[in-house]
Amino acid sequence: MCFSSDKTPIVLYGLDKSLIKMKEGISKTYSASDMCNNPAAGVRFHDPGYIHDVLLTDLKPSMTYYYSYGSTEART
């Protein structure tokens, strides 16, 4: 899998709309060479774009969280 480091995905979140916590994640994609065989790896391969993963930890059960997502590029 290929990784993109120029646009780091982020999630701003919190128990109210102030969104005081932030977590960064990773973006990844795959290419035709990552596929097993034709037709997936051949002319029928479609670029999937990027898959963005941000893992939020230490969330409290039974609580409502507010969040916003984007990238570090969007924050500048």
PDB file of N, CA and C in Angstrom:
ATOM      1  N   MET A   1       0.832  -1.176   0.000  1.00  0.00           N
ATOM      2  CA  MET A   1       0.000   0.000   0.000  1.00  0.00           C
ATOM      3  C   MET A   1       0.880   1.243   0.000  1.00  0.00           C
ATOM      4  N   CYS A   2       0.460   2.231  -0.743  1.00  0.00           N
ATOM      5  CA  CYS A   2       1.184   3.498  -0.807  1.00  0.00           C
ATOM      6  C   CYS A   2       0.648   4.435   0.269  1.00  0.00           C
ATOM      7  N   PHE A   3       1.512   5.248   0.836  1.00  0.00           N
ATOM      8  CA  PHE A   3       1.096   6.195   1.864  1.00  0.00           C
ATOM      9  C   PHE A   3       1.321   7.611   1.377  1.00  0.00           C
ATOM     10  N   SER A   4       0.442   8.506   1.754  1.00  0.00           N
ATOM     11  CA  SER A   4       0.573   9.917   1.425  1.00  0.00           C
ATOM     12  C   SER A   4       0.894  10.672   2.701  1.00  0.00           C
ATOM     13  N   SER A   5       1.972  11.421   2.708  1.00  0.00           N
ATOM     14  CA  SER A   5       2.348  12.146   3.917  1.00  0.00           C
ATOM     15  C   SER A   5       2.107  13.641   3.797  1.00  0.00           C
ATOM     16  N   ASP A   6       1.662  14.124   2.625  1.00  0.00           N
ATOM     17  CA  ASP A   6       1.501  15.560   2.452  1.00  0.00           C
ATOM     18  C   ASP A   6       0.206  16.101   3.042  1.00  0.00           C
ATOM     19  N   LYS A   7      -0.789  15.267   3.247  1.00  0.00           N
ATOM     20  CA  LYS A   7      -2.059  15.692   3.826  1.00  0.00           C
ATOM     21  C   LYS A   7      -2.452  14.732   4.932  1.00  0.00           C
ATOM     22  N   THR A   8      -2.084  15.034   6.131  1.00  0.00           N
ATOM     23  CA  THR A   8      -2.364  14.169   7.271  1.00  0.00           C
ATOM     24  C   THR A   8      -3.806  14.366   7.720  1.00  0.00           C
ATOM     25  N   PRO A   9      -4.610  13.284   7.768  1.00  0.00           N
ATOM     26  CA  PRO A   9      -5.984  13.434   8.243  1.00  0.00           C
ATOM     27  C   PRO A   9      -6.017  13.709   9.742  1.00  0.00           C
ATOM     28  N   ILE A  10      -6.957  14.564  10.156  1.00  0.00           N
ATOM     29  CA  ILE A  10      -7.126  14.867  11.576  1.00  0.00           C
ATOM     30  C   ILE A  10      -8.605  14.826  11.934  1.00  0.00           C
ATOM     31  N   VAL A  11      -8.863  14.573  13.205  1.00  0.00           N
ATOM     32  CA  VAL A  11     -10.203  14.687  13.768  1.00  0.00           C
ATOM     33  C   VAL A  11     -10.093  15.582  14.989  1.00  0.00           C
ATOM     34  N   LEU A  12     -10.906  16.631  15.010  1.00  0.00           N
ATOM     35  CA  LEU A  12     -11.055  17.475  16.195  1.00  0.00           C
ATOM     36  C   LEU A  12     -12.313  16.981  16.895  1.00  0.00           C
ATOM     37  N   TYR A  13     -12.266  16.801  18.208  1.00  0.00           N
ATOM     38  CA  TYR A  13     -13.433  16.234  18.890  1.00  0.00           C
ATOM     39  C   TYR A  13     -13.474  16.658  20.346  1.00  0.00           C
ATOM     40  N   GLY A  14     -14.605  16.456  20.969  1.00  0.00           N
ATOM     41  CA  GLY A  14     -14.769  16.769  22.378  1.00  0.00           C
ATOM     42  C   GLY A  14     -16.190  16.491  22.831  1.00  0.00           C
ATOM     43  N   LEU A  15     -16.409  16.696  24.110  1.00  0.00           N
ATOM     44  CA  LEU A  15     -17.724  16.461  24.701  1.00  0.00           C
ATOM     45  C   LEU A  15     -18.660  17.645  24.493  1.00  0.00           C
ATOM     46  N   ASP A  16     -18.136  18.746  23.962  1.00  0.00           N
ATOM     47  CA  ASP A  16     -18.975  19.882  23.591  1.00  0.00           C
ATOM     48  C   ASP A  16     -18.458  20.434  22.266  1.00  0.00           C
ATOM     49  N   LYS A  17     -19.079  21.472  21.777  1.00  0.00           N
ATOM     50  CA  LYS A  17     -18.747  21.972  20.439  1.00  0.00           C
ATOM     51  C   LYS A  17     -17.423  22.724  20.372  1.00  0.00           C
ATOM     52  N   SER A  18     -16.705  22.821  21.485  1.00  0.00           N
ATOM     53  CA  SER A  18     -15.397  23.494  21.453  1.00  0.00           C
ATOM     54  C   SER A  18     -14.324  22.633  20.786  1.00  0.00           C
ATOM     55  N   LEU A  19     -14.544  21.325  20.680  1.00  0.00           N
ATOM     56  CA  LEU A  19     -13.633  20.401  19.982  1.00  0.00           C
ATOM     57  C   LEU A  19     -12.181  20.606  20.407  1.00  0.00           C
ATOM     58  N   ILE A  20     -11.909  20.436  21.685  1.00  0.00           N
ATOM     59  CA  ILE A  20     -10.587  20.755  22.217  1.00  0.00           C
ATOM     60  C   ILE A  20      -9.542  19.664  22.018  1.00  0.00           C
ATOM     61  N   LYS A  21      -9.957  18.464  21.650  1.00  0.00           N
ATOM     62  CA  LYS A  21      -8.992  17.380  21.438  1.00  0.00           C
ATOM     63  C   LYS A  21      -8.743  17.191  19.945  1.00  0.00           C
ATOM     64  N   MET A  22      -7.536  16.718  19.603  1.00  0.00           N
ATOM     65  CA  MET A  22      -7.199  16.470  18.208  1.00  0.00           C
ATOM     66  C   MET A  22      -6.392  15.186  18.091  1.00  0.00           C
ATOM     67  N   LYS A  23      -6.709  14.380  17.095  1.00  0.00           N
ATOM     68  CA  LYS A  23      -5.935  13.174  16.772  1.00  0.00           C
ATOM     69  C   LYS A  23      -5.568  13.216  15.303  1.00  0.00           C
ATOM     70  N   GLU A  24      -4.328  12.805  15.005  1.00  0.00           N
ATOM     71  CA  GLU A  24      -3.880  12.681  13.630  1.00  0.00           C
ATOM     72  C   GLU A  24      -3.927  11.220  13.220  1.00  0.00           C
ATOM     73  N   GLY A  25      -4.062  10.972  11.936  1.00  0.00           N
ATOM     74  CA  GLY A  25      -4.115   9.612  11.426  1.00  0.00           C
ATOM     75  C   GLY A  25      -3.194   9.439  10.230  1.00  0.00           C
ATOM     76  N   ILE A  26      -3.534   8.486   9.381  1.00  0.00           N
ATOM     77  CA  ILE A  26      -2.751   8.215   8.173  1.00  0.00           C
ATOM     78  C   ILE A  26      -3.695   8.110   6.977  1.00  0.00           C
ATOM     79  N   SER A  27      -3.149   8.392   5.812  1.00  0.00           N
ATOM     80  CA  SER A  27      -3.872   8.206   4.555  1.00  0.00           C
ATOM     81  C   SER A  27      -3.119   7.172   3.745  1.00  0.00           C
ATOM     82  N   LYS A  28      -3.864   6.285   3.075  1.00  0.00           N
ATOM     83  CA  LYS A  28      -3.217   5.267   2.258  1.00  0.00           C
ATOM     84  C   LYS A  28      -4.080   4.987   1.032  1.00  0.00           C
ATOM     85  N   THR A  29      -3.469   4.374   0.053  1.00  0.00           N
ATOM     86  CA  THR A  29      -4.174   3.976  -1.156  1.00  0.00           C
ATOM     87  C   THR A  29      -3.521   2.701  -1.679  1.00  0.00           C
ATOM     88  N   TYR A  30      -4.032   2.164  -2.735  1.00  0.00           N
ATOM     89  CA  TYR A  30      -3.398   1.020  -3.363  1.00  0.00           C
ATOM     90  C   TYR A  30      -3.422   1.208  -4.873  1.00  0.00           C
ATOM     91  N   SER A  31      -2.555   0.473  -5.538  1.00  0.00           N
ATOM     92  CA  SER A  31      -2.427   0.584  -6.991  1.00  0.00           C
ATOM     93  C   SER A  31      -2.723  -0.766  -7.625  1.00  0.00           C
ATOM     94  N   ALA A  32      -2.717  -0.798  -8.947  1.00  0.00           N
ATOM     95  CA  ALA A  32      -2.992  -2.046  -9.676  1.00  0.00           C
ATOM     96  C   ALA A  32      -1.994  -3.131  -9.302  1.00  0.00           C
ATOM     97  N   SER A  33      -0.745  -2.751  -9.024  1.00  0.00           N
ATOM     98  CA  SER A  33       0.272  -3.749  -8.684  1.00  0.00           C
ATOM     99  C   SER A  33       0.010  -4.421  -7.329  1.00  0.00           C
ATOM    100  N   ASP A  34      -0.848  -3.817  -6.489  1.00  0.00           N
ATOM    101  CA  ASP A  34      -1.206  -4.415  -5.199  1.00  0.00           C
ATOM    102  C   ASP A  34      -2.289  -5.487  -5.344  1.00  0.00           C
ATOM    103  N   MET A  35      -2.949  -5.537  -6.486  1.00  0.00           N
ATOM    104  CA  MET A  35      -4.033  -6.488  -6.716  1.00  0.00           C
ATOM    105  C   MET A  35      -3.453  -7.848  -7.100  1.00  0.00           C
ATOM    106  N   CYS A  36      -4.228  -8.905  -6.893  1.00  0.00           N
ATOM    107  CA  CYS A  36      -3.750 -10.267  -7.141  1.00  0.00           C
ATOM    108  C   CYS A  36      -3.620 -10.601  -8.624  1.00  0.00           C
ATOM    109  N   ASN A  37      -4.678 -10.483  -9.369  1.00  0.00           N
ATOM    110  CA  ASN A  37      -4.702 -10.920 -10.768  1.00  0.00           C
ATOM    111  C   ASN A  37      -5.631 -10.041 -11.588  1.00  0.00           C
ATOM    112  N   ASN A  38      -5.642 -10.320 -12.902  1.00  0.00           N
ATOM    113  CA  ASN A  38      -6.609  -9.667 -13.782  1.00  0.00           C
ATOM    114  C   ASN A  38      -7.996 -10.205 -13.469  1.00  0.00           C
ATOM    115  N   PRO A  39      -9.062  -9.510 -13.677  1.00  0.00           N
ATOM    116  CA  PRO A  39      -9.119  -8.193 -14.284  1.00  0.00           C
ATOM    117  C   PRO A  39      -8.853  -7.053 -13.307  1.00  0.00           C
ATOM    118  N   ALA A  40      -8.802  -7.336 -12.007  1.00  0.00           N
ATOM    119  CA  ALA A  40      -8.622  -6.266 -11.025  1.00  0.00           C
ATOM    120  C   ALA A  40      -7.313  -5.512 -11.224  1.00  0.00           C
ATOM    121  N   ALA A  41      -6.266  -6.201 -11.628  1.00  0.00           N
ATOM    122  CA  ALA A  41      -4.957  -5.569 -11.788  1.00  0.00           C
ATOM    123  C   ALA A  41      -4.739  -5.069 -13.212  1.00  0.00           C
ATOM    124  N   GLY A  42      -5.684  -5.293 -14.103  1.00  0.00           N
ATOM    125  CA  GLY A  42      -5.501  -4.930 -15.514  1.00  0.00           C
ATOM    126  C   GLY A  42      -6.248  -3.666 -15.882  1.00  0.00           C
ATOM    127  N   VAL A  43      -6.782  -3.684 -17.069  1.00  0.00           N
ATOM    128  CA  VAL A  43      -7.443  -2.498 -17.613  1.00  0.00           C
ATOM    129  C   VAL A  43      -8.706  -2.114 -16.847  1.00  0.00           C
ATOM    130  N   ARG A  44      -9.250  -3.000 -16.061  1.00  0.00           N
ATOM    131  CA  ARG A  44     -10.459  -2.685 -15.281  1.00  0.00           C
ATOM    132  C   ARG A  44     -10.149  -2.086 -13.913  1.00  0.00           C
ATOM    133  N   PHE A  45      -8.882  -1.888 -13.610  1.00  0.00           N
ATOM    134  CA  PHE A  45      -8.528  -1.292 -12.323  1.00  0.00           C
ATOM    135  C   PHE A  45      -8.965   0.169 -12.303  1.00  0.00           C
ATOM    136  N   HIS A  46      -9.631   0.565 -11.225  1.00  0.00           N
ATOM    137  CA  HIS A  46     -10.031   1.957 -11.027  1.00  0.00           C
ATOM    138  C   HIS A  46      -9.316   2.489  -9.793  1.00  0.00           C
ATOM    139  N   ASP A  47      -8.718   3.654  -9.924  1.00  0.00           N
ATOM    140  CA  ASP A  47      -8.025   4.294  -8.804  1.00  0.00           C
ATOM    141  C   ASP A  47      -9.026   4.499  -7.664  1.00  0.00           C
ATOM    142  N   PRO A  48      -8.754   3.934  -6.479  1.00  0.00           N
ATOM    143  CA  PRO A  48      -9.714   4.027  -5.383  1.00  0.00           C
ATOM    144  C   PRO A  48      -9.667   5.352  -4.631  1.00  0.00           C
ATOM    145  N   GLY A  49      -8.680   6.181  -4.916  1.00  0.00           N
ATOM    146  CA  GLY A  49      -8.499   7.379  -4.106  1.00  0.00           C
ATOM    147  C   GLY A  49      -7.795   7.005  -2.809  1.00  0.00           C
ATOM    148  N   TYR A  50      -7.955   7.826  -1.804  1.00  0.00           N
ATOM    149  CA  TYR A  50      -7.283   7.570  -0.527  1.00  0.00           C
ATOM    150  C   TYR A  50      -8.256   7.061   0.528  1.00  0.00           C
ATOM    151  N   ILE A  51      -7.743   6.260   1.428  1.00  0.00           N
ATOM    152  CA  ILE A  51      -8.465   5.762   2.592  1.00  0.00           C
ATOM    153  C   ILE A  51      -7.841   6.467   3.790  1.00  0.00           C
ATOM    154  N   HIS A  52      -8.667   7.136   4.586  1.00  0.00           N
ATOM    155  CA  HIS A  52      -8.167   7.917   5.719  1.00  0.00           C
ATOM    156  C   HIS A  52      -8.554   7.224   7.022  1.00  0.00           C
ATOM    157  N   ASP A  53      -7.579   6.999   7.890  1.00  0.00           N
ATOM    158  CA  ASP A  53      -7.812   6.347   9.180  1.00  0.00           C
ATOM    159  C   ASP A  53      -7.339   7.245  10.311  1.00  0.00           C
ATOM    160  N   VAL A  54      -8.239   7.516  11.257  1.00  0.00           N
ATOM    161  CA  VAL A  54      -7.896   8.222  12.488  1.00  0.00           C
ATOM    162  C   VAL A  54      -8.536   7.435  13.623  1.00  0.00           C
ATOM    163  N   LEU A  55      -7.725   6.981  14.555  1.00  0.00           N
ATOM    164  CA  LEU A  55      -8.224   6.182  15.676  1.00  0.00           C
ATOM    165  C   LEU A  55      -8.382   7.071  16.905  1.00  0.00           C
ATOM    166  N   LEU A  56      -9.610   7.161  17.411  1.00  0.00           N
ATOM    167  CA  LEU A  56      -9.876   7.916  18.637  1.00  0.00           C
ATOM    168  C   LEU A  56      -9.865   6.934  19.804  1.00  0.00           C
ATOM    169  N   THR A  57      -9.072   7.246  20.803  1.00  0.00           N
ATOM    170  CA  THR A  57      -8.935   6.368  21.964  1.00  0.00           C
ATOM    171  C   THR A  57      -9.423   7.075  23.223  1.00  0.00           C
ATOM    172  N   ASP A  58      -9.589   6.330  24.287  1.00  0.00           N
ATOM    173  CA  ASP A  58     -10.004   6.851  25.596  1.00  0.00           C
ATOM    174  C   ASP A  58     -11.336   7.599  25.551  1.00  0.00           C
ATOM    175  N   LEU A  59     -12.258   7.127  24.700  1.00  0.00           N
ATOM    176  CA  LEU A  59     -13.592   7.723  24.680  1.00  0.00           C
ATOM    177  C   LEU A  59     -14.401   7.148  25.831  1.00  0.00           C
ATOM    178  N   LYS A  60     -15.241   7.982  26.419  1.00  0.00           N
ATOM    179  CA  LYS A  60     -16.065   7.546  27.538  1.00  0.00           C
ATOM    180  C   LYS A  60     -17.359   6.927  27.007  1.00  0.00           C
ATOM    181  N   PRO A  61     -17.762   5.768  27.554  1.00  0.00           N
ATOM    182  CA  PRO A  61     -18.998   5.133  27.090  1.00  0.00           C
ATOM    183  C   PRO A  61     -20.231   5.976  27.434  1.00  0.00           C
ATOM    184  N   SER A  62     -21.256   5.841  26.630  1.00  0.00           N
ATOM    185  CA  SER A  62     -22.554   6.490  26.848  1.00  0.00           C
ATOM    186  C   SER A  62     -22.463   8.022  26.856  1.00  0.00           C
ATOM    187  N   MET A  63     -21.470   8.570  26.169  1.00  0.00           N
ATOM    188  CA  MET A  63     -21.323  10.019  26.087  1.00  0.00           C
ATOM    189  C   MET A  63     -21.518  10.449  24.640  1.00  0.00           C
ATOM    190  N   THR A  64     -22.027  11.641  24.443  1.00  0.00           N
ATOM    191  CA  THR A  64     -22.165  12.200  23.100  1.00  0.00           C
ATOM    192  C   THR A  64     -20.922  13.010  22.787  1.00  0.00           C
ATOM    193  N   TYR A  65     -20.293  12.703  21.650  1.00  0.00           N
ATOM    194  CA  TYR A  65     -19.102  13.428  21.202  1.00  0.00           C
ATOM    195  C   TYR A  65     -19.432  14.251  19.961  1.00  0.00           C
ATOM    196  N   TYR A  66     -18.833  15.412  19.895  1.00  0.00           N
ATOM    197  CA  TYR A  66     -18.900  16.262  18.717  1.00  0.00           C
ATOM    198  C   TYR A  66     -17.565  16.138  18.005  1.00  0.00           C
ATOM    199  N   TYR A  67     -17.594  16.192  16.679  1.00  0.00           N
ATOM    200  CA  TYR A  67     -16.335  16.046  15.954  1.00  0.00           C
ATOM    201  C   TYR A  67     -16.380  16.779  14.625  1.00  0.00           C
ATOM    202  N   SER A  68     -15.190  17.026  14.118  1.00  0.00           N
ATOM    203  CA  SER A  68     -14.998  17.592  12.795  1.00  0.00           C
ATOM    204  C   SER A  68     -13.772  16.905  12.217  1.00  0.00           C
ATOM    205  N   TYR A  69     -13.784  16.614  10.930  1.00  0.00           N
ATOM    206  CA  TYR A  69     -12.644  15.930  10.331  1.00  0.00           C
ATOM    207  C   TYR A  69     -12.164  16.696   9.114  1.00  0.00           C
ATOM    208  N   GLY A  70     -10.901  16.509   8.809  1.00  0.00           N
ATOM    209  CA  GLY A  70     -10.291  17.175   7.665  1.00  0.00           C
ATOM    210  C   GLY A  70      -8.830  16.753   7.576  1.00  0.00           C
ATOM    211  N   SER A  71      -7.973  17.706   7.232  1.00  0.00           N
ATOM    212  CA  SER A  71      -6.545  17.398   7.128  1.00  0.00           C
ATOM    213  C   SER A  71      -5.750  18.539   7.730  1.00  0.00           C
ATOM    214  N   THR A  72      -4.481  18.271   7.985  1.00  0.00           N
ATOM    215  CA  THR A  72      -3.609  19.321   8.518  1.00  0.00           C
ATOM    216  C   THR A  72      -3.493  20.449   7.509  1.00  0.00           C
ATOM    217  N   GLU A  73      -3.599  20.140   6.231  1.00  0.00           N
ATOM    218  CA  GLU A  73      -3.543  21.183   5.199  1.00  0.00           C
ATOM    219  C   GLU A  73      -4.721  22.153   5.335  1.00  0.00           C
ATOM    220  N   ALA A  74      -5.884  21.662   5.705  1.00  0.00           N
ATOM    221  CA  ALA A  74      -7.071  22.497   5.835  1.00  0.00           C
ATOM    222  C   ALA A  74      -6.976  23.442   7.029  1.00  0.00           C
ATOM    223  N   ARG A  75      -6.158  23.114   8.010  1.00  0.00           N
ATOM    224  CA  ARG A  75      -6.033  23.936   9.219  1.00  0.00           C
ATOM    225  C   ARG A  75      -5.130  25.135   9.007  1.00  0.00           C
ATOM    226  N   THR A  76      -4.298  25.127   7.961  1.00  0.00           N
ATOM    227  CA  THR A  76      -3.356  26.233   7.773  1.00  0.00           C
ATOM    228  C   THR A  76      -3.941  27.348   6.961  1.00  0.00           C
TER     229      THR A  76
END
